[in-house]
Amino acid sequence: MSTAMQFYVSTLLVYTGVWLLGAWGLNLQFGTAGLLSFAFIVFQAVGAYTAAVLALGPQTDNGGFQHYIGGYDLPFPLPLLGAIVVGAAFAIPIGLVALRRLRSDYQAVALLVISIIATNVATNEPRLFNGATGIALVPKPLASWLGVDLITYQWIYVGLVVVVCLLAYFVVHRITHSPLGRAMRAMRDNEYAAASLAKNVIVLRILAFMIGGALGAASGAILVLFIGTWAPSSWFYPETFVFLAAIIIGGTNNSLGIFVGVLLVPIGFAESTRFLPSIGHPGLIDALQWIAIGFLFLIFLWFRPQGILPERKHRYSSEGKLLTVMQLVSRRLPIRSKVKGQAT
């Protein structure tokens, strides 16, 4: 394989991991918990900015050509871990504003407005993250310590991304197949029924928002540490719909289906347009990417809304069902004592 092809393939694999982490995070919010999170791209941006300022040195070290808060020059993996923590923490105030009282369409509109506000703040306030120009020259993790050529470093970074994705899959799988995941699905299907079974719906929403936000922040951190730059033009709110398209097309609340959706939408359809011959005015090829994704999205919404790999139905044995019913009944009905009229 030529050097140019190795560079392209390794870069594509890194981007696949980035899209996969983000799609798993949004799926946990939307597919598992039923939250219409149109502000998901904000979490990716938060993770990218956090990892960048934690990895960069003070502003005086770069000649003052860019301005940003922080600049701590922390070694890897602290920038990645810091981005995950900040992404989860950032989800709390957003969740309290948009998820406590608002439902369905109003919830989606509120989160979309938050995304637009965040983009405008980052663009028009240069003292935060260098404004519209964005942050550049983010050091590559472990590059100076490894001391290898660019192609070798690319493949090492691919291995790092694979490890992060496997850890993320393990976390997501454990959550979705645990009592917590069942409670989130119950809230998604009927929040009033879930609340009647003593499930704290608000806490479940915030928790799903935090975990999904942490995964989104991890995807942004992995990307910015790889490409070395991040700007507001990288995270306009329509980017969220690419994640959403991958989830709908691959299969909602199905981790393997999400992987198929990522391979098909942001990797397959978006990358295939790059090989088209130059036609029309400049920028037409980029527009064709959105057109292709939009048409594919609409086709699946009309003819196969469950996606390529639908959500797996969780089945329980008859003994397990009987035990669950008996437990629910015993929790809800008072136990009559021998003294007539008393209940414990």
C-alpha atoms as a PDB file:
ATOM      1  CA  MET A   1       0.000   0.000   0.000  1.00  0.00           C
ATOM      2  CA  SER A   2       1.395   3.389  -0.966  1.00  0.00           C
ATOM      3  CA  THR A   3       2.162   6.070   1.580  1.00  0.00           C
ATOM      4  CA  ALA A   4      -0.667   8.272   0.320  1.00  0.00           C
ATOM      5  CA  MET A   5      -3.159   5.402   0.552  1.00  0.00           C
ATOM      6  CA  GLN A   6      -2.020   4.524   4.071  1.00  0.00           C
ATOM      7  CA  PHE A   7      -2.477   8.141   5.091  1.00  0.00           C
ATOM      8  CA  TYR A   8      -5.987   8.213   3.617  1.00  0.00           C
ATOM      9  CA  VAL A   9      -7.105   4.881   5.096  1.00  0.00           C
ATOM     10  CA  SER A  10      -5.751   5.615   8.574  1.00  0.00           C
ATOM     11  CA  THR A  11      -7.380   9.052   8.549  1.00  0.00           C
ATOM     12  CA  LEU A  12     -10.678   7.525   7.446  1.00  0.00           C
ATOM     13  CA  LEU A  13     -10.497   4.972  10.273  1.00  0.00           C
ATOM     14  CA  VAL A  14      -9.933   7.720  12.839  1.00  0.00           C
ATOM     15  CA  TYR A  15     -12.933   9.632  11.526  1.00  0.00           C
ATOM     16  CA  THR A  16     -14.983   6.424  11.646  1.00  0.00           C
ATOM     17  CA  GLY A  17     -14.171   6.093  15.343  1.00  0.00           C
ATOM     18  CA  VAL A  18     -15.058   9.745  15.940  1.00  0.00           C
ATOM     19  CA  TRP A  19     -18.427   9.380  14.208  1.00  0.00           C
ATOM     20  CA  LEU A  20     -19.082   6.105  16.010  1.00  0.00           C
ATOM     21  CA  LEU A  21     -18.458   7.588  19.463  1.00  0.00           C
ATOM     22  CA  GLY A  22     -20.745  10.505  18.706  1.00  0.00           C
ATOM     23  CA  ALA A  23     -23.477   8.305  17.245  1.00  0.00           C
ATOM     24  CA  TRP A  24     -23.435   6.024  20.291  1.00  0.00           C
ATOM     25  CA  GLY A  25     -23.744   9.063  22.538  1.00  0.00           C
ATOM     26  CA  LEU A  26     -26.691  10.517  20.625  1.00  0.00           C
ATOM     27  CA  ASN A  27     -28.315   7.092  20.407  1.00  0.00           C
ATOM     28  CA  LEU A  28     -28.205   6.821  24.195  1.00  0.00           C
ATOM     29  CA  GLN A  29     -30.021  10.156  24.421  1.00  0.00           C
ATOM     30  CA  PHE A  30     -32.445   9.701  21.530  1.00  0.00           C
ATOM     31  CA  GLY A  31     -32.738   5.974  20.890  1.00  0.00           C
ATOM     32  CA  THR A  32     -32.670   4.720  24.480  1.00  0.00           C
ATOM     33  CA  ALA A  33     -34.082   7.630  26.495  1.00  0.00           C
ATOM     34  CA  GLY A  34     -36.210   9.284  23.794  1.00  0.00           C
ATOM     35  CA  LEU A  35     -34.648  12.758  24.087  1.00  0.00           C
ATOM     36  CA  LEU A  36     -34.778  14.886  20.930  1.00  0.00           C
ATOM     37  CA  SER A  37     -31.267  16.265  21.360  1.00  0.00           C
ATOM     38  CA  PHE A  38     -30.782  18.727  18.496  1.00  0.00           C
ATOM     39  CA  ALA A  39     -27.906  20.302  20.444  1.00  0.00           C
ATOM     40  CA  PHE A  40     -25.729  17.204  20.437  1.00  0.00           C
ATOM     41  CA  ILE A  41     -23.011  18.767  18.278  1.00  0.00           C
ATOM     42  CA  VAL A  42     -22.436  21.245  21.137  1.00  0.00           C
ATOM     43  CA  PHE A  43     -21.091  18.395  23.279  1.00  0.00           C
ATOM     44  CA  GLN A  44     -18.621  17.430  20.581  1.00  0.00           C
ATOM     45  CA  ALA A  45     -17.463  21.049  20.419  1.00  0.00           C
ATOM     46  CA  VAL A  46     -17.177  21.263  24.207  1.00  0.00           C
ATOM     47  CA  GLY A  47     -14.996  18.168  24.224  1.00  0.00           C
ATOM     48  CA  ALA A  48     -12.826  19.505  21.405  1.00  0.00           C
ATOM     49  CA  TYR A  49     -12.286  22.904  23.005  1.00  0.00           C
ATOM     50  CA  THR A  50     -11.625  21.381  26.424  1.00  0.00           C
ATOM     51  CA  ALA A  51      -9.057  18.914  25.124  1.00  0.00           C
ATOM     52  CA  ALA A  52      -7.413  21.668  23.077  1.00  0.00           C
ATOM     53  CA  VAL A  53      -6.923  24.137  25.934  1.00  0.00           C
ATOM     54  CA  LEU A  54      -5.771  21.351  28.252  1.00  0.00           C
ATOM     55  CA  ALA A  55      -3.175  20.164  25.726  1.00  0.00           C
ATOM     56  CA  LEU A  56      -2.021  23.622  24.601  1.00  0.00           C
ATOM     57  CA  GLY A  57       0.462  25.637  26.590  1.00  0.00           C
ATOM     58  CA  PRO A  58      -0.149  29.213  27.805  1.00  0.00           C
ATOM     59  CA  GLN A  59      -0.956  31.878  25.219  1.00  0.00           C
ATOM     60  CA  THR A  60       2.517  33.401  25.549  1.00  0.00           C
ATOM     61  CA  ASP A  61       4.053  30.180  24.182  1.00  0.00           C
ATOM     62  CA  ASN A  62       2.454  30.619  20.745  1.00  0.00           C
ATOM     63  CA  GLY A  63       3.424  34.219  20.128  1.00  0.00           C
ATOM     64  CA  GLY A  64      -0.003  35.578  21.072  1.00  0.00           C
ATOM     65  CA  PHE A  65      -1.531  34.994  17.622  1.00  0.00           C
ATOM     66  CA  GLN A  66      -4.471  33.126  19.201  1.00  0.00           C
ATOM     67  CA  HIS A  67      -6.372  33.756  22.410  1.00  0.00           C
ATOM     68  CA  TYR A  68      -8.072  31.181  24.583  1.00  0.00           C
ATOM     69  CA  ILE A  69      -8.862  30.496  28.206  1.00  0.00           C
ATOM     70  CA  GLY A  70      -6.669  27.990  29.982  1.00  0.00           C
ATOM     71  CA  GLY A  71      -3.566  26.577  28.356  1.00  0.00           C
ATOM     72  CA  TYR A  72      -2.301  23.949  30.803  1.00  0.00           C
ATOM     73  CA  ASP A  73       0.023  21.781  28.655  1.00  0.00           C
ATOM     74  CA  LEU A  74      -1.218  18.561  30.258  1.00  0.00           C
ATOM     75  CA  PRO A  75       0.107  15.196  29.046  1.00  0.00           C
ATOM     76  CA  PHE A  76      -2.093  12.617  27.376  1.00  0.00           C
ATOM     77  CA  PRO A  77      -4.594  11.133  28.359  1.00  0.00           C
ATOM     78  CA  LEU A  78      -5.526  13.978  30.742  1.00  0.00           C
ATOM     79  CA  PRO A  79      -6.943  16.201  27.942  1.00  0.00           C
ATOM     80  CA  LEU A  80      -9.199  13.343  26.816  1.00  0.00           C
ATOM     81  CA  LEU A  81     -10.355  12.520  30.341  1.00  0.00           C
ATOM     82  CA  GLY A  82     -10.896  16.210  31.096  1.00  0.00           C
ATOM     83  CA  ALA A  83     -13.038  16.575  27.971  1.00  0.00           C
ATOM     84  CA  ILE A  84     -15.211  13.615  29.023  1.00  0.00           C
ATOM     85  CA  VAL A  85     -15.745  15.075  32.498  1.00  0.00           C
ATOM     86  CA  VAL A  86     -16.539  18.565  31.176  1.00  0.00           C
ATOM     87  CA  GLY A  87     -18.920  17.121  28.567  1.00  0.00           C
ATOM     88  CA  ALA A  88     -20.863  15.254  31.247  1.00  0.00           C
ATOM     89  CA  ALA A  89     -20.899  18.291  33.552  1.00  0.00           C
ATOM     90  CA  PHE A  90     -21.987  20.628  30.741  1.00  0.00           C
ATOM     91  CA  ALA A  91     -25.025  18.419  30.151  1.00  0.00           C
ATOM     92  CA  ILE A  92     -26.416  19.179  33.615  1.00  0.00           C
ATOM     93  CA  PRO A  93     -27.330  22.887  33.148  1.00  0.00           C
ATOM     94  CA  ILE A  94     -28.561  22.272  29.601  1.00  0.00           C
ATOM     95  CA  GLY A  95     -30.663  19.357  30.811  1.00  0.00           C
ATOM     96  CA  LEU A  96     -32.134  21.352  33.664  1.00  0.00           C
ATOM     97  CA  VAL A  97     -33.172  24.107  31.239  1.00  0.00           C
ATOM     98  CA  ALA A  98     -34.478  21.992  28.370  1.00  0.00           C
ATOM     99  CA  LEU A  99     -35.527  18.648  29.850  1.00  0.00           C
ATOM    100  CA  ARG A 100     -37.295  19.297  33.151  1.00  0.00           C
ATOM    101  CA  ARG A 101     -40.480  20.973  31.933  1.00  0.00           C
ATOM    102  CA  LEU A 102     -40.360  20.731  28.139  1.00  0.00           C
ATOM    103  CA  ARG A 103     -41.451  17.708  26.154  1.00  0.00           C
ATOM    104  CA  SER A 104     -41.257  16.439  22.585  1.00  0.00           C
ATOM    105  CA  ASP A 105     -41.240  19.252  19.989  1.00  0.00           C
ATOM    106  CA  TYR A 106     -40.680  22.030  22.535  1.00  0.00           C
ATOM    107  CA  GLN A 107     -37.729  20.124  23.924  1.00  0.00           C
ATOM    108  CA  ALA A 108     -36.209  19.767  20.461  1.00  0.00           C
ATOM    109  CA  VAL A 109     -36.692  23.473  19.687  1.00  0.00           C
ATOM    110  CA  ALA A 110     -35.144  24.521  23.000  1.00  0.00           C
ATOM    111  CA  LEU A 111     -32.068  22.368  22.397  1.00  0.00           C
ATOM    112  CA  LEU A 112     -31.755  23.656  18.838  1.00  0.00           C
ATOM    113  CA  VAL A 113     -31.848  27.247  20.134  1.00  0.00           C
ATOM    114  CA  ILE A 114     -29.174  26.390  22.712  1.00  0.00           C
ATOM    115  CA  SER A 115     -26.996  25.021  19.909  1.00  0.00           C
ATOM    116  CA  ILE A 116     -27.359  28.220  17.866  1.00  0.00           C
ATOM    117  CA  ILE A 117     -26.625  30.392  20.916  1.00  0.00           C
ATOM    118  CA  ALA A 118     -23.494  28.399  21.756  1.00  0.00           C
ATOM    119  CA  THR A 119     -22.218  28.672  18.178  1.00  0.00           C
ATOM    120  CA  ASN A 120     -22.735  32.444  18.115  1.00  0.00           C
ATOM    121  CA  VAL A 121     -21.055  32.923  21.489  1.00  0.00           C
ATOM    122  CA  ALA A 122     -17.979  30.931  20.447  1.00  0.00           C
ATOM    123  CA  THR A 123     -17.836  32.769  17.120  1.00  0.00           C
ATOM    124  CA  ASN A 124     -18.219  36.322  18.394  1.00  0.00           C
ATOM    125  CA  GLU A 125     -16.209  36.177  21.632  1.00  0.00           C
ATOM    126  CA  PRO A 126     -12.522  35.845  20.629  1.00  0.00           C
ATOM    127  CA  ARG A 127     -11.285  35.741  24.224  1.00  0.00           C
ATOM    128  CA  LEU A 128     -12.889  32.354  24.810  1.00  0.00           C
ATOM    129  CA  PHE A 129     -11.552  30.155  22.010  1.00  0.00           C
ATOM    130  CA  ASN A 130     -10.120  32.613  19.470  1.00  0.00           C
ATOM    131  CA  GLY A 131     -13.497  33.449  17.938  1.00  0.00           C
ATOM    132  CA  ALA A 132     -14.367  32.474  14.378  1.00  0.00           C
ATOM    133  CA  THR A 133     -10.732  31.657  13.576  1.00  0.00           C
ATOM    134  CA  GLY A 134     -10.716  28.839  16.101  1.00  0.00           C
ATOM    135  CA  ILE A 135      -7.879  27.126  17.916  1.00  0.00           C
ATOM    136  CA  ALA A 136      -4.879  25.726  16.045  1.00  0.00           C
ATOM    137  CA  LEU A 137      -1.550  24.012  16.700  1.00  0.00           C
ATOM    138  CA  VAL A 138      -3.006  21.563  19.227  1.00  0.00           C
ATOM    139  CA  PRO A 139      -0.143  19.139  19.986  1.00  0.00           C
ATOM    140  CA  LYS A 140      -0.574  15.543  18.944  1.00  0.00           C
ATOM    141  CA  PRO A 141      -0.666  13.174  21.942  1.00  0.00           C
ATOM    142  CA  LEU A 142       2.538  11.206  22.581  1.00  0.00           C
ATOM    143  CA  ALA A 143       4.057  12.355  19.268  1.00  0.00           C
ATOM    144  CA  SER A 144       7.298  13.689  20.790  1.00  0.00           C
ATOM    145  CA  TRP A 145       7.592  10.681  23.107  1.00  0.00           C
ATOM    146  CA  LEU A 146       7.092   8.104  20.321  1.00  0.00           C
ATOM    147  CA  GLY A 147       9.436   9.779  17.845  1.00  0.00           C
ATOM    148  CA  VAL A 148       8.080   7.960  14.767  1.00  0.00           C
ATOM    149  CA  ASP A 149       7.264   9.100  11.239  1.00  0.00           C
ATOM    150  CA  LEU A 150       3.835  10.473  10.309  1.00  0.00           C
ATOM    151  CA  ILE A 151       2.386   7.285   8.780  1.00  0.00           C
ATOM    152  CA  THR A 152       3.462   5.134  11.737  1.00  0.00           C
ATOM    153  CA  TYR A 153       1.975   7.681  14.133  1.00  0.00           C
ATOM    154  CA  GLN A 154      -1.302   7.632  12.180  1.00  0.00           C
ATOM    155  CA  TRP A 155      -1.627   3.870  12.639  1.00  0.00           C
ATOM    156  CA  ILE A 156      -0.743   4.135  16.337  1.00  0.00           C
ATOM    157  CA  TYR A 157      -3.481   6.723  16.699  1.00  0.00           C
ATOM    158  CA  VAL A 158      -5.902   4.374  14.928  1.00  0.00           C
ATOM    159  CA  GLY A 159      -5.093   1.763  17.571  1.00  0.00           C
ATOM    160  CA  LEU A 160      -5.777   4.333  20.294  1.00  0.00           C
ATOM    161  CA  VAL A 161      -9.144   5.179  18.732  1.00  0.00           C
ATOM    162  CA  VAL A 162     -10.040   1.482  18.531  1.00  0.00           C
ATOM    163  CA  VAL A 163      -9.304   1.075  22.258  1.00  0.00           C
ATOM    164  CA  VAL A 164     -11.470   4.101  23.121  1.00  0.00           C
ATOM    165  CA  CYS A 165     -14.309   2.793  20.929  1.00  0.00           C
ATOM    166  CA  LEU A 166     -14.169  -0.647  22.545  1.00  0.00           C
ATOM    167  CA  LEU A 167     -14.345   0.916  26.006  1.00  0.00           C
ATOM    168  CA  ALA A 168     -17.251   3.100  24.885  1.00  0.00           C
ATOM    169  CA  TYR A 169     -19.070   0.087  23.433  1.00  0.00           C
ATOM    170  CA  PHE A 170     -18.605  -1.807  26.692  1.00  0.00           C
ATOM    171  CA  VAL A 171     -20.057   1.102  28.682  1.00  0.00           C
ATOM    172  CA  VAL A 172     -22.991   1.609  26.320  1.00  0.00           C
ATOM    173  CA  HIS A 173     -23.745  -2.127  26.186  1.00  0.00           C
ATOM    174  CA  ARG A 174     -23.674  -2.431  29.965  1.00  0.00           C
ATOM    175  CA  ILE A 175     -26.006   0.536  30.352  1.00  0.00           C
ATOM    176  CA  THR A 176     -28.544  -0.489  27.722  1.00  0.00           C
ATOM    177  CA  HIS A 177     -28.691  -4.083  29.030  1.00  0.00           C
ATOM    178  CA  SER A 178     -28.986  -3.123  32.692  1.00  0.00           C
ATOM    179  CA  PRO A 179     -31.977  -2.119  34.838  1.00  0.00           C
ATOM    180  CA  LEU A 180     -30.968   1.494  34.167  1.00  0.00           C
ATOM    181  CA  GLY A 181     -31.315   0.927  30.435  1.00  0.00           C
ATOM    182  CA  ARG A 182     -34.693  -0.745  30.905  1.00  0.00           C
ATOM    183  CA  ALA A 183     -35.857   2.228  32.963  1.00  0.00           C
ATOM    184  CA  MET A 184     -34.717   4.613  30.209  1.00  0.00           C
ATOM    185  CA  ARG A 185     -36.580   2.629  27.563  1.00  0.00           C
ATOM    186  CA  ALA A 186     -39.679   2.570  29.753  1.00  0.00           C
ATOM    187  CA  MET A 187     -39.438   6.349  30.069  1.00  0.00           C
ATOM    188  CA  ARG A 188     -39.023   6.642  26.290  1.00  0.00           C
ATOM    189  CA  ASP A 189     -42.079   4.500  25.562  1.00  0.00           C
ATOM    190  CA  ASN A 190     -44.358   5.942  28.250  1.00  0.00           C
ATOM    191  CA  GLU A 191     -42.953   8.318  30.824  1.00  0.00           C
ATOM    192  CA  TYR A 192     -46.171   8.360  32.851  1.00  0.00           C
ATOM    193  CA  ALA A 193     -46.142   4.597  33.206  1.00  0.00           C
ATOM    194  CA  ALA A 194     -42.476   4.748  34.208  1.00  0.00           C
ATOM    195  CA  ALA A 195     -43.243   7.430  36.795  1.00  0.00           C
ATOM    196  CA  SER A 196     -46.092   5.312  38.180  1.00  0.00           C
ATOM    197  CA  LEU A 197     -43.521   2.571  38.873  1.00  0.00           C
ATOM    198  CA  ALA A 198     -41.514   4.947  41.059  1.00  0.00           C
ATOM    199  CA  LYS A 199     -38.980   5.835  38.356  1.00  0.00           C
ATOM    200  CA  ASN A 200     -37.594   9.366  38.675  1.00  0.00           C
ATOM    201  CA  VAL A 201     -38.070  10.542  35.105  1.00  0.00           C
ATOM    202  CA  ILE A 202     -36.142  13.797  35.557  1.00  0.00           C
ATOM    203  CA  VAL A 203     -33.093  12.002  36.953  1.00  0.00           C
ATOM    204  CA  LEU A 204     -33.214   9.451  34.127  1.00  0.00           C
ATOM    205  CA  ARG A 205     -33.327  12.220  31.525  1.00  0.00           C
ATOM    206  CA  ILE A 206     -30.401  14.113  33.034  1.00  0.00           C
ATOM    207  CA  LEU A 207     -28.387  10.916  33.440  1.00  0.00           C
ATOM    208  CA  ALA A 208     -28.916   9.874  29.810  1.00  0.00           C
ATOM    209  CA  PHE A 209     -28.038  13.406  28.738  1.00  0.00           C
ATOM    210  CA  MET A 210     -24.826  13.333  30.779  1.00  0.00           C
ATOM    211  CA  ILE A 211     -23.623   9.954  29.495  1.00  0.00           C
ATOM    212  CA  GLY A 212     -24.424  10.868  25.905  1.00  0.00           C
ATOM    213  CA  GLY A 213     -22.728  14.235  26.368  1.00  0.00           C
ATOM    214  CA  ALA A 214     -19.610  12.541  27.737  1.00  0.00           C
ATOM    215  CA  LEU A 215     -19.411  10.286  24.653  1.00  0.00           C
ATOM    216  CA  GLY A 216     -19.948  13.261  22.359  1.00  0.00           C
ATOM    217  CA  ALA A 217     -17.178  15.162  24.148  1.00  0.00           C
ATOM    218  CA  ALA A 218     -14.873  12.149  23.789  1.00  0.00           C
ATOM    219  CA  SER A 219     -15.464  12.145  20.027  1.00  0.00           C
ATOM    220  CA  GLY A 220     -14.601  15.853  19.820  1.00  0.00           C
ATOM    221  CA  ALA A 221     -11.455  15.385  21.918  1.00  0.00           C
ATOM    222  CA  ILE A 222     -10.255  12.466  19.779  1.00  0.00           C
ATOM    223  CA  LEU A 223     -10.796  14.544  16.629  1.00  0.00           C
ATOM    224  CA  VAL A 224      -9.118  17.767  17.774  1.00  0.00           C
ATOM    225  CA  LEU A 225      -6.084  15.905  19.113  1.00  0.00           C
ATOM    226  CA  PHE A 226      -5.786  14.264  15.697  1.00  0.00           C
ATOM    227  CA  ILE A 227      -6.276  17.210  13.326  1.00  0.00           C
ATOM    228  CA  GLY A 228      -4.816  19.834  15.694  1.00  0.00           C
ATOM    229  CA  THR A 229      -7.447  22.510  15.109  1.00  0.00           C
ATOM    230  CA  TRP A 230     -11.080  23.343  15.830  1.00  0.00           C
ATOM    231  CA  ALA A 231     -13.302  26.247  14.799  1.00  0.00           C
ATOM    232  CA  PRO A 232     -17.013  27.153  15.057  1.00  0.00           C
ATOM    233  CA  SER A 233     -17.425  26.336  11.360  1.00  0.00           C
ATOM    234  CA  SER A 234     -16.798  22.694  12.315  1.00  0.00           C
ATOM    235  CA  TRP A 235     -19.894  22.345  14.487  1.00  0.00           C
ATOM    236  CA  PHE A 236     -22.902  24.042  12.972  1.00  0.00           C
ATOM    237  CA  TYR A 237     -26.179  22.515  14.191  1.00  0.00           C
ATOM    238  CA  PRO A 238     -26.906  20.616  10.906  1.00  0.00           C
ATOM    239  CA  GLU A 239     -24.026  18.283  11.819  1.00  0.00           C
ATOM    240  CA  THR A 240     -26.307  16.785  14.470  1.00  0.00           C
ATOM    241  CA  PHE A 241     -28.612  15.545  11.724  1.00  0.00           C
ATOM    242  CA  VAL A 242     -25.778  13.476  10.216  1.00  0.00           C
ATOM    243  CA  PHE A 243     -25.487  11.631  13.535  1.00  0.00           C
ATOM    244  CA  LEU A 244     -29.269  11.298  13.639  1.00  0.00           C
ATOM    245  CA  ALA A 245     -29.359   9.949  10.084  1.00  0.00           C
ATOM    246  CA  ALA A 246     -26.769   7.302  10.967  1.00  0.00           C
ATOM    247  CA  ILE A 247     -28.891   6.241  13.951  1.00  0.00           C
ATOM    248  CA  ILE A 248     -32.199   6.090  12.053  1.00  0.00           C
ATOM    249  CA  ILE A 249     -30.703   4.295   9.055  1.00  0.00           C
ATOM    250  CA  GLY A 250     -28.580   1.853  11.057  1.00  0.00           C
ATOM    251  CA  GLY A 251     -31.202   1.039  13.675  1.00  0.00           C
ATOM    252  CA  THR A 252     -32.286   2.969  16.732  1.00  0.00           C
ATOM    253  CA  ASN A 253     -31.053   1.655  20.094  1.00  0.00           C
ATOM    254  CA  ASN A 254     -28.911  -1.014  18.430  1.00  0.00           C
ATOM    255  CA  SER A 255     -25.158  -0.527  18.872  1.00  0.00           C
ATOM    256  CA  LEU A 256     -24.296  -2.784  15.933  1.00  0.00           C
ATOM    257  CA  GLY A 257     -26.880  -1.016  13.800  1.00  0.00           C
ATOM    258  CA  ILE A 258     -25.297   2.327  14.719  1.00  0.00           C
ATOM    259  CA  PHE A 259     -21.973   0.985  13.449  1.00  0.00           C
ATOM    260  CA  VAL A 260     -23.607   0.043  10.129  1.00  0.00           C
ATOM    261  CA  GLY A 261     -25.268   3.455   9.930  1.00  0.00           C
ATOM    262  CA  VAL A 262     -21.956   5.243  10.481  1.00  0.00           C
ATOM    263  CA  LEU A 263     -20.290   3.187   7.762  1.00  0.00           C
ATOM    264  CA  LEU A 264     -23.149   3.954   5.390  1.00  0.00           C
ATOM    265  CA  VAL A 265     -23.917   7.636   6.057  1.00  0.00           C
ATOM    266  CA  PRO A 266     -21.002   9.859   7.152  1.00  0.00           C
ATOM    267  CA  ILE A 267     -18.342   7.499   5.802  1.00  0.00           C
ATOM    268  CA  GLY A 268     -19.914   5.809   2.759  1.00  0.00           C
ATOM    269  CA  PHE A 269     -22.178   8.462   1.251  1.00  0.00           C
ATOM    270  CA  ALA A 270     -20.117  11.473   2.319  1.00  0.00           C
ATOM    271  CA  GLU A 271     -16.807  10.015   1.168  1.00  0.00           C
ATOM    272  CA  SER A 272     -18.148   8.610  -2.102  1.00  0.00           C
ATOM    273  CA  THR A 273     -19.016  12.121  -3.332  1.00  0.00           C
ATOM    274  CA  ARG A 274     -15.348  13.096  -3.054  1.00  0.00           C
ATOM    275  CA  PHE A 275     -14.548  10.763  -5.951  1.00  0.00           C
ATOM    276  CA  LEU A 276     -17.055  12.388  -8.291  1.00  0.00           C
ATOM    277  CA  PRO A 277     -15.570  14.390 -11.156  1.00  0.00           C
ATOM    278  CA  SER A 278     -15.561  18.166 -10.820  1.00  0.00           C
ATOM    279  CA  ILE A 279     -18.928  19.366 -12.077  1.00  0.00           C
ATOM    280  CA  GLY A 280     -20.780  22.629 -11.762  1.00  0.00           C
ATOM    281  CA  HIS A 281     -19.701  25.510  -9.590  1.00  0.00           C
ATOM    282  CA  PRO A 282     -17.270  25.157  -6.652  1.00  0.00           C
ATOM    283  CA  GLY A 283     -19.022  23.753  -3.615  1.00  0.00           C
ATOM    284  CA  LEU A 284     -21.512  21.650  -5.581  1.00  0.00           C
ATOM    285  CA  ILE A 285     -19.849  18.386  -4.525  1.00  0.00           C
ATOM    286  CA  ASP A 286     -20.149  19.356  -0.842  1.00  0.00           C
ATOM    287  CA  ALA A 287     -23.814  20.164  -1.408  1.00  0.00           C
ATOM    288  CA  LEU A 288     -24.324  16.753  -3.016  1.00  0.00           C
ATOM    289  CA  GLN A 289     -23.174  15.130   0.237  1.00  0.00           C
ATOM    290  CA  TRP A 290     -26.052  16.747   2.123  1.00  0.00           C
ATOM    291  CA  ILE A 291     -28.492  15.955  -0.685  1.00  0.00           C
ATOM    292  CA  ALA A 292     -27.496  12.283  -0.706  1.00  0.00           C
ATOM    293  CA  ILE A 293     -27.758  12.002   3.073  1.00  0.00           C
ATOM    294  CA  GLY A 294     -31.094  13.837   3.077  1.00  0.00           C
ATOM    295  CA  PHE A 295     -32.636  11.575   0.429  1.00  0.00           C
ATOM    296  CA  LEU A 296     -31.407   8.444   2.187  1.00  0.00           C
ATOM    297  CA  PHE A 297     -32.795   9.759   5.491  1.00  0.00           C
ATOM    298  CA  LEU A 298     -36.240  10.383   3.972  1.00  0.00           C
ATOM    299  CA  ILE A 299     -36.340   6.987   2.254  1.00  0.00           C
ATOM    300  CA  PHE A 300     -35.710   5.159   5.522  1.00  0.00           C
ATOM    301  CA  LEU A 301     -38.207   7.309   7.426  1.00  0.00           C
ATOM    302  CA  TRP A 302     -40.883   6.404   4.880  1.00  0.00           C
ATOM    303  CA  PHE A 303     -40.172   2.761   4.129  1.00  0.00           C
ATOM    304  CA  ARG A 304     -38.066   1.360   6.994  1.00  0.00           C
ATOM    305  CA  PRO A 305     -38.175   3.599  10.071  1.00  0.00           C
ATOM    306  CA  GLN A 306     -36.838   0.758  12.247  1.00  0.00           C
ATOM    307  CA  GLY A 307     -33.532   0.890  10.340  1.00  0.00           C
ATOM    308  CA  ILE A 308     -31.342  -1.804   8.832  1.00  0.00           C
ATOM    309  CA  LEU A 309     -30.862  -3.595  12.168  1.00  0.00           C
ATOM    310  CA  PRO A 310     -33.961  -2.887  14.289  1.00  0.00           C
ATOM    311  CA  GLU A 311     -33.917  -2.614  18.049  1.00  0.00           C
ATOM    312  CA  ARG A 312     -33.790  -6.009  19.651  1.00  0.00           C
ATOM    313  CA  LYS A 313     -36.815  -6.975  21.695  1.00  0.00           C
ATOM    314  CA  HIS A 314     -35.831  -8.048  25.185  1.00  0.00           C
ATOM    315  CA  ARG A 315     -37.600 -11.280  26.113  1.00  0.00           C
ATOM    316  CA  TYR A 316     -37.889 -12.754  29.570  1.00  0.00           C
ATOM    317  CA  SER A 317     -38.802 -16.252  30.678  1.00  0.00           C
ATOM    318  CA  SER A 318     -42.263 -16.960  32.070  1.00  0.00           C
ATOM    319  CA  GLU A 319     -40.739 -17.447  35.549  1.00  0.00           C
ATOM    320  CA  GLY A 320     -39.035 -14.065  35.288  1.00  0.00           C
ATOM    321  CA  LYS A 321     -42.260 -12.405  34.177  1.00  0.00           C
ATOM    322  CA  LEU A 322     -44.210 -13.980  37.062  1.00  0.00           C
ATOM    323  CA  LEU A 323     -41.559 -12.914  39.569  1.00  0.00           C
ATOM    324  CA  THR A 324     -41.563  -9.359  38.217  1.00  0.00           C
ATOM    325  CA  VAL A 325     -45.350  -9.124  38.462  1.00  0.00           C
ATOM    326  CA  MET A 326     -45.340 -10.511  42.013  1.00  0.00           C
ATOM    327  CA  GLN A 327     -42.661  -8.002  43.032  1.00  0.00           C
ATOM    328  CA  LEU A 328     -44.606  -5.096  41.565  1.00  0.00           C
ATOM    329  CA  VAL A 329     -47.826  -6.214  43.215  1.00  0.00           C
ATOM    330  CA  SER A 330     -46.110  -6.692  46.580  1.00  0.00           C
ATOM    331  CA  ARG A 331     -44.647  -3.197  46.375  1.00  0.00           C
ATOM    332  CA  ARG A 332     -47.905  -1.513  45.423  1.00  0.00           C
ATOM    333  CA  LEU A 333     -50.479  -3.348  47.581  1.00  0.00           C
ATOM    334  CA  PRO A 334     -50.578  -2.959  51.385  1.00  0.00           C
ATOM    335  CA  ILE A 335     -50.080  -6.133  53.405  1.00  0.00           C
ATOM    336  CA  ARG A 336     -53.068  -6.785  55.705  1.00  0.00           C
ATOM    337  CA  SER A 337     -52.230  -7.784  59.257  1.00  0.00           C
ATOM    338  CA  LYS A 338     -54.257 -10.123  61.432  1.00  0.00           C
ATOM    339  CA  VAL A 339     -55.809  -7.129  63.186  1.00  0.00           C
ATOM    340  CA  LYS A 340     -58.792  -6.165  61.107  1.00  0.00           C
ATOM    341  CA  GLY A 341     -58.521  -2.795  59.456  1.00  0.00           C
ATOM    342  CA  GLN A 342     -54.747  -2.356  59.915  1.00  0.00           C
ATOM    343  CA  ALA A 343     -52.226  -2.382  57.139  1.00  0.00           C
ATOM    344  CA  THR A 344     -48.449  -2.362  57.150  1.00  0.00           C
END
